[in-house]
Protein backbone atom coordinates (compact mmCIF):
# COMPACT_ATOMS: atom_id res chain seq x y z
CA UNK A 1 70.90 116.14 91.49
CA UNK A 2 71.96 117.68 95.35
CA UNK A 3 74.84 115.69 95.28
CA UNK A 4 76.41 116.28 92.34
CA UNK A 5 76.20 120.04 92.93
CA UNK A 6 77.61 119.86 96.49
CA UNK A 7 80.70 117.70 94.75
CA UNK A 8 80.61 120.39 92.09
CA UNK A 9 81.47 123.43 93.93
CA UNK A 10 83.54 121.09 96.55
CA UNK A 11 86.20 120.55 93.40
CA UNK A 12 85.66 123.97 92.29
CA UNK A 13 87.72 125.24 95.85
CA UNK A 14 90.45 122.98 94.65
CA UNK A 15 90.26 122.71 90.69
CA UNK A 16 89.57 125.03 87.78
CA UNK A 17 86.04 125.05 86.52
CA UNK A 18 87.32 123.83 83.08
CA UNK A 19 88.56 120.72 85.02
CA UNK A 20 85.98 120.87 86.95
CA UNK A 21 82.85 120.36 84.01
CA UNK A 22 85.37 117.61 82.04
CA UNK A 23 84.80 115.72 84.99
CA UNK A 24 81.38 116.20 86.00
CA UNK A 25 80.51 116.02 82.09
CA UNK A 26 80.71 112.09 82.70
CA UNK A 27 78.74 111.87 84.98
CA UNK A 28 75.43 109.74 84.87
CA UNK A 29 72.02 112.35 85.94
CA UNK A 30 69.87 110.38 84.83
CA UNK A 31 69.70 107.39 87.46
CA UNK A 32 69.39 106.60 91.32
CA UNK A 33 72.30 106.76 93.71
CA UNK A 34 73.83 103.65 94.93
CA UNK A 35 76.13 104.33 97.89
CA UNK A 36 78.55 100.77 98.48
CA UNK A 37 80.11 100.82 102.20
CA UNK A 38 83.07 99.43 101.22
CA UNK A 39 84.26 97.04 104.40
CA UNK A 40 81.33 95.33 105.01
CA UNK A 41 82.69 92.96 107.36
CA UNK A 42 80.98 91.13 110.79
CA UNK A 43 82.60 93.94 113.09
CA UNK A 44 81.00 96.44 110.93
CA UNK A 45 77.42 95.12 111.40
CA UNK A 46 75.54 95.38 114.48
CA UNK A 47 73.17 92.61 115.92
CA UNK A 48 70.98 92.59 118.52
CA UNK A 49 69.78 88.50 118.50
CA UNK A 50 69.48 87.82 114.91
CA UNK A 51 68.31 91.28 113.77
CA UNK A 52 71.01 93.56 112.66
CA UNK A 53 70.10 96.68 113.79
CA UNK A 54 72.95 98.96 112.64
CA UNK A 55 75.76 98.71 109.69
CA UNK A 56 79.01 100.98 111.37
CA UNK A 57 81.84 101.94 110.13
CA UNK A 58 81.14 103.71 106.76
CA UNK A 59 84.25 106.25 105.90
CA UNK A 60 85.15 103.76 103.00
CA UNK A 61 81.98 104.30 101.43
CA UNK A 62 81.94 105.40 97.86
CA UNK A 63 78.75 105.80 95.31
CA UNK A 64 78.98 103.85 92.30
CA UNK A 65 78.68 107.16 89.82
CA UNK A 66 81.98 108.26 91.28
CA UNK A 67 83.67 104.70 89.30
CA UNK A 68 81.77 105.60 86.88
CA UNK A 69 83.58 109.02 85.55
């Protein structure tokens, strides 16, 4: 999975390969990624009339696989 490869490379720059392989061995590889917002409050939802046109302020977003590790 491309997103795991990206994070593996990032962690390899910081940690030793043994730690990285142990950490990433706990990530699921046979499932879909689900991104969660982390701060979904009315001031982060842009609307036009009654239609949602955007969700902003994603700096606290996490993908659920991170929590599974």
